[in-house]
Protein backbone atom coordinates (compact mmCIF):
# COMPACT_ATOMS: atom_id res chain seq x y z
CA MET A 1 19.22 -41.23 13.84
CA ASN A 2 18.20 -43.18 10.77
CA PRO A 3 17.60 -40.67 7.92
CA PHE A 4 15.36 -43.21 6.18
CA SER A 5 12.84 -43.05 9.04
CA ILE A 6 12.39 -39.26 8.94
CA GLU A 7 11.82 -38.87 5.22
CA SER A 8 8.36 -37.88 4.10
CA SER A 9 6.31 -40.58 2.43
CA THR A 10 6.59 -38.85 -0.94
CA ALA A 11 10.36 -38.55 -0.71
CA LYS A 12 10.61 -42.13 0.50
CA GLU A 13 8.59 -43.34 -2.48
CA ALA A 14 10.74 -41.36 -4.91
CA VAL A 15 14.01 -42.65 -3.46
CA PHE A 16 12.72 -46.21 -3.40
CA MET A 17 11.39 -46.12 -6.97
CA ASN A 18 14.67 -44.65 -8.22
CA LYS A 19 16.45 -47.65 -6.74
CA VAL A 20 13.93 -50.01 -8.34
CA TYR A 21 14.34 -48.48 -11.79
CA ALA A 22 18.13 -48.38 -11.42
CA TRP A 23 18.30 -52.10 -10.61
CA MET A 24 15.86 -52.95 -13.38
CA SER A 25 17.79 -50.89 -15.96
CA GLY A 26 21.07 -52.47 -14.88
CA ALA A 27 19.62 -55.96 -15.21
CA LEU A 28 18.27 -55.17 -18.69
CA LEU A 29 21.70 -53.92 -19.78
CA ILE A 30 23.34 -57.09 -18.46
CA THR A 31 20.78 -59.28 -20.24
CA ALA A 32 21.20 -57.39 -23.52
CA PHE A 33 25.00 -57.57 -23.39
CA VAL A 34 25.07 -61.27 -22.49
CA ALA A 35 22.53 -62.08 -25.22
CA TRP A 36 24.60 -60.20 -27.82
CA TRP A 37 27.84 -61.80 -26.58
CA ALA A 38 26.39 -65.32 -26.67
CA ALA A 39 24.92 -64.81 -30.16
CA THR A 40 28.29 -63.63 -31.52
CA THR A 41 30.52 -66.16 -29.77
CA PRO A 42 31.10 -69.27 -31.93
CA ALA A 43 32.11 -71.43 -28.96
CA PHE A 44 28.79 -70.83 -27.20
CA LEU A 45 26.79 -71.27 -30.40
CA GLN A 46 28.41 -74.65 -30.98
CA ILE A 47 27.16 -75.71 -27.55
CA LEU A 48 23.64 -74.38 -28.08
CA TYR A 49 23.49 -75.37 -31.75
CA PRO A 50 25.70 -78.45 -32.21
CA PRO A 51 27.07 -79.31 -35.69
CA GLN A 52 24.58 -82.15 -36.16
CA GLY A 53 21.81 -79.56 -36.40
CA GLY A 54 18.97 -78.25 -34.26
CA ILE A 55 19.07 -76.69 -30.84
CA ASN A 56 20.66 -78.52 -27.93
CA LYS A 57 17.49 -79.06 -25.91
CA ILE A 58 19.36 -80.25 -22.82
CA VAL A 59 21.35 -77.00 -22.62
CA PHE A 60 18.45 -74.73 -23.62
CA TYR A 61 15.87 -76.21 -21.28
CA GLY A 62 18.52 -76.56 -18.60
CA LEU A 63 19.06 -72.80 -18.74
CA ILE A 64 15.31 -72.17 -18.60
CA GLY A 65 14.97 -74.54 -15.65
CA ALA A 66 17.82 -72.78 -13.85
CA GLU A 67 16.12 -69.42 -14.45
CA LEU A 68 12.78 -70.61 -13.11
CA GLY A 69 14.36 -72.23 -10.08
CA LEU A 70 16.40 -69.13 -9.33
CA VAL A 71 13.52 -66.67 -9.60
CA ILE A 72 11.24 -68.89 -7.47
CA TRP A 73 13.96 -69.31 -4.83
CA LEU A 74 14.71 -65.58 -4.79
CA SER A 75 11.03 -64.65 -4.48
CA ALA A 76 10.33 -67.18 -1.74
CA ARG A 77 13.49 -66.76 0.35
CA ILE A 78 14.45 -63.12 -0.01
CA GLN A 79 13.39 -62.26 3.55
CA GLN A 80 15.91 -64.79 4.85
CA MET A 81 18.71 -63.43 2.64
CA THR A 82 20.96 -60.44 2.97
CA ALA A 83 20.43 -57.65 0.46
CA GLU A 84 23.86 -58.40 -1.02
CA LYS A 85 22.97 -62.04 -1.68
CA ALA A 86 19.62 -61.06 -3.20
CA SER A 87 21.33 -58.59 -5.52
CA LEU A 88 23.88 -61.19 -6.65
CA LEU A 89 21.09 -63.67 -7.41
CA PHE A 90 19.24 -61.02 -9.40
CA VAL A 91 22.37 -60.31 -11.44
CA LEU A 92 22.87 -64.05 -11.98
CA TYR A 93 19.27 -64.34 -13.17
CA SER A 94 19.77 -61.53 -15.68
CA VAL A 95 22.88 -63.31 -17.00
CA LEU A 96 21.04 -66.62 -17.42
CA ASN A 97 18.17 -64.86 -19.14
CA GLY A 98 20.64 -63.22 -21.49
CA LEU A 99 21.98 -66.64 -22.49
CA THR A 100 18.51 -67.96 -23.34
CA MET A 101 17.53 -64.75 -25.13
CA SER A 102 20.60 -64.97 -27.37
CA THR A 103 18.46 -67.05 -29.73
CA ILE A 104 16.49 -63.95 -30.77
CA PHE A 105 19.63 -62.59 -32.47
CA LEU A 106 19.67 -65.73 -34.60
CA LEU A 107 15.97 -65.54 -35.47
CA TYR A 108 15.33 -61.83 -35.96
CA THR A 109 17.14 -59.00 -37.71
CA SER A 110 19.14 -56.57 -35.56
CA ALA A 111 17.05 -53.67 -36.88
CA SER A 112 13.77 -55.23 -35.78
CA ILE A 113 15.21 -56.15 -32.37
CA SER A 114 16.34 -52.55 -31.86
CA SER A 115 13.08 -50.99 -33.03
CA THR A 116 11.02 -53.40 -30.91
CA PHE A 117 13.17 -52.60 -27.88
CA PHE A 118 12.48 -48.89 -28.25
CA ILE A 119 8.76 -49.52 -28.78
CA THR A 120 8.76 -51.67 -25.64
CA ALA A 121 10.66 -49.02 -23.68
CA GLY A 122 8.18 -46.33 -24.73
CA THR A 123 5.14 -48.47 -23.93
CA PHE A 124 6.60 -49.66 -20.64
CA GLY A 125 7.58 -46.12 -19.65
CA ALA A 126 4.11 -44.75 -20.38
CA MET A 127 2.30 -47.47 -18.44
CA SER A 128 4.74 -47.36 -15.54
CA PHE A 129 4.29 -43.58 -15.36
CA TYR A 130 0.53 -44.08 -15.32
CA GLY A 131 0.79 -46.65 -12.55
CA TYR A 132 3.03 -44.34 -10.52
CA THR A 133 0.96 -41.18 -10.87
CA THR A 134 -2.67 -42.35 -11.07
CA LYS A 135 -4.93 -41.87 -8.07
CA LYS A 136 -7.07 -44.80 -9.20
CA ASP A 137 -6.69 -47.98 -7.20
CA LEU A 138 -5.48 -50.65 -9.63
CA THR A 139 -5.86 -53.53 -7.18
CA SER A 140 -8.82 -54.93 -9.14
CA TRP A 141 -6.57 -55.14 -12.21
CA GLY A 142 -4.31 -57.59 -10.40
CA ASN A 143 -6.86 -60.41 -10.11
CA LEU A 144 -8.06 -60.04 -13.69
CA LEU A 145 -4.53 -59.87 -15.11
CA PHE A 146 -3.40 -62.84 -13.04
CA MET A 147 -6.28 -64.96 -14.34
CA ALA A 148 -5.56 -63.78 -17.88
CA LEU A 149 -1.89 -64.70 -17.43
CA ILE A 150 -2.77 -68.21 -16.26
CA GLY A 151 -5.09 -68.64 -19.24
CA LEU A 152 -2.39 -67.32 -21.56
CA ILE A 153 0.14 -69.84 -20.26
CA ILE A 154 -2.29 -72.76 -20.60
CA ALA A 155 -3.34 -71.70 -24.11
CA THR A 156 0.30 -71.32 -25.15
CA VAL A 157 1.09 -74.85 -23.99
CA VAL A 158 -1.97 -76.19 -25.85
CA ASN A 159 -0.95 -74.37 -29.02
CA MET A 160 2.48 -76.01 -28.87
CA PHE A 161 0.62 -79.17 -29.91
CA LEU A 162 -2.03 -77.59 -32.14
CA GLN A 163 0.45 -75.37 -34.02
CA SER A 164 -2.32 -72.94 -34.98
CA ALA A 165 -0.96 -69.81 -36.67
CA MET A 166 -4.12 -67.83 -35.89
CA MET A 167 -4.01 -68.78 -32.21
CA TYR A 168 -0.29 -67.91 -32.15
CA TYR A 169 -1.03 -64.31 -33.17
CA ILE A 170 -4.06 -64.02 -30.90
CA LEU A 171 -2.02 -65.21 -27.92
CA ASN A 172 0.73 -62.71 -28.69
CA TYR A 173 -1.76 -59.83 -28.79
CA VAL A 174 -3.27 -61.04 -25.52
CA GLY A 175 0.23 -61.26 -24.06
CA VAL A 176 0.92 -57.63 -24.98
CA ILE A 177 -2.33 -56.50 -23.33
CA VAL A 178 -1.64 -58.54 -20.18
CA PHE A 179 1.88 -57.20 -19.65
CA VAL A 180 0.92 -53.63 -20.52
CA GLY A 181 -1.66 -53.85 -17.73
CA LEU A 182 0.73 -55.61 -15.35
CA THR A 183 3.30 -52.85 -15.83
CA ALA A 184 0.89 -50.24 -14.47
CA TYR A 185 -0.45 -52.51 -11.72
CA ASP A 186 2.99 -53.66 -10.55
CA THR A 187 4.35 -50.11 -10.54
CA GLN A 188 1.58 -48.93 -8.24
CA LYS A 189 2.02 -51.98 -6.00
CA ILE A 190 5.78 -51.42 -5.76
CA LYS A 191 5.30 -47.71 -5.04
CA ARG A 192 3.01 -48.55 -2.12
CA MET A 193 5.62 -50.99 -0.84
CA ALA A 194 7.86 -48.05 0.10
CA GLY A 195 5.58 -47.10 2.98
CA GLN A 196 5.91 -50.57 4.52
CA LEU A 197 9.71 -50.60 4.71
CA ASN A 198 11.19 -49.86 8.09
CA SER A 199 14.93 -50.21 7.52
CA GLU A 200 17.61 -49.70 4.91
CA GLU A 201 18.05 -53.47 4.61
CA ASP A 202 14.34 -53.96 3.91
CA ALA A 203 14.45 -51.11 1.39
CA LYS A 204 17.35 -52.70 -0.48
CA LYS A 205 15.64 -56.09 -0.66
CA GLY A 206 12.33 -54.47 -1.59
CA ALA A 207 14.05 -52.62 -4.42
CA ILE A 208 15.49 -55.90 -5.72
CA MET A 209 12.07 -57.59 -5.73
CA GLY A 210 10.44 -54.56 -7.31
CA ALA A 211 13.12 -54.43 -10.00
CA LEU A 212 12.72 -58.15 -10.68
CA THR A 213 8.96 -57.74 -11.10
CA LEU A 214 9.25 -54.84 -13.55
CA TYR A 215 12.15 -56.54 -15.33
CA LEU A 216 9.95 -59.57 -16.01
CA ASP A 217 7.13 -57.31 -17.23
CA PHE A 218 9.52 -55.56 -19.62
CA ILE A 219 11.11 -58.75 -20.96
CA ASN A 220 7.78 -60.45 -21.59
CA LEU A 221 6.29 -57.37 -23.23
CA PHE A 222 9.37 -57.15 -25.46
CA LEU A 223 9.16 -60.81 -26.50
CA TYR A 224 5.45 -60.65 -27.33
CA LEU A 225 5.95 -57.49 -29.40
CA LEU A 226 8.93 -59.04 -31.16
CA ARG A 227 6.92 -62.11 -32.13
CA LEU A 228 4.25 -59.85 -33.62
CA PHE A 229 6.34 -57.24 -35.39
CA GLY A 230 9.89 -58.59 -35.60
CA ASP A 231 11.39 -59.35 -39.02
CA ARG A 232 12.74 -62.87 -39.14
CA LYS A 233 16.01 -63.60 -40.85
């Protein structure tokens, strides 16, 4: 008899969400360690920042392209993968993200990175708790937040050419609001996912996708807060 099938819905949700948060926390630790390692390793810095000056755009954008390709592939093909393969790809993604995020250690003070991380953790935890416990249906938030996210991305690209300082700060505040809302919405959506899982294999893969979703919410919230409140070197 499969013990997963006889658990109550509440117990099933709790077990599933514990797995989601465990994977997410592990990925964040990997990203933080890799980012710190890369920022303190001269050999890597010489590759990312060659002696002739400036960032090596081929390497930097190559890493970003690899991240995007990996997360799109994982999201689209996870049902055709084993849970073990999905977990390895998630770990690989967190490593690649750590390499690209190593630049924040070169731009911001360690104190402001640490304080912003704890602010992000507190904000994320509060909104995730709300999304997990609220009886209100947050489905309507999803459409609004998705449209806001698309607008945010387009406006950010436009401001890369305009270089408006005022728009830069406005977009960062909007980004904080969007990912605060997405944290609550995604948590509720992931919690409901537990009731649709019929096997241990599905539960493992569902936990990976849930962790990836909340991981991205956390990382983006952290970066937007850092741009607003971080002390540059």
